[in-house]
Amino acid sequence: MNFPCRLGFAGIVIVGTLLLAGIVHAERPDVSGVEGVVAVSPSRPGPLRQGESSSAPAGNLKFIVKNKDERVGSFTTDAQGHFRVSLPEGHYTVLREDPGARPGHWHFEVDVAKGQITKVTWTGDSGMR
């Protein structure tokens, strides 16, 4: 093949791949939801030592998303507590789903605007003292 530009075949493949990646990963105005990190605190019993963090990632936990009393979604955090869930605009309550969650200790609220991803950092109470 003969390419009239100086990029050559490899350059065209690289540029094409970058353009496609930009299209696939670009924020779309019709996509909305919530993304963020969930932590747990305190992460261990006993007194906090100087230089230690009192929180840790809340990894691999299941959460449900409710709009009023209706369940509208769910997500599971990754090992570092990160998550992302697509939701239409509205007000939501997020609750830990598993039986290890104590009522009131894992209750979060969030507002989602149309066409926006709301970024959050939530900390659940482990109940340890």
Foldseek 3Di string as FASTA:
>chain_A
DDDPDPCPPVNVVVVVVVVVVCVVPPQDQQWKWEKEFEKEFQPDADDDDPPDDRIAGPAQFKKFKDAVNHTDGIWTAHHRRIDIDTDAFDKIWIATDDPQDDPPQGIDIDTMHGSYYHYDYYYGYNPHD
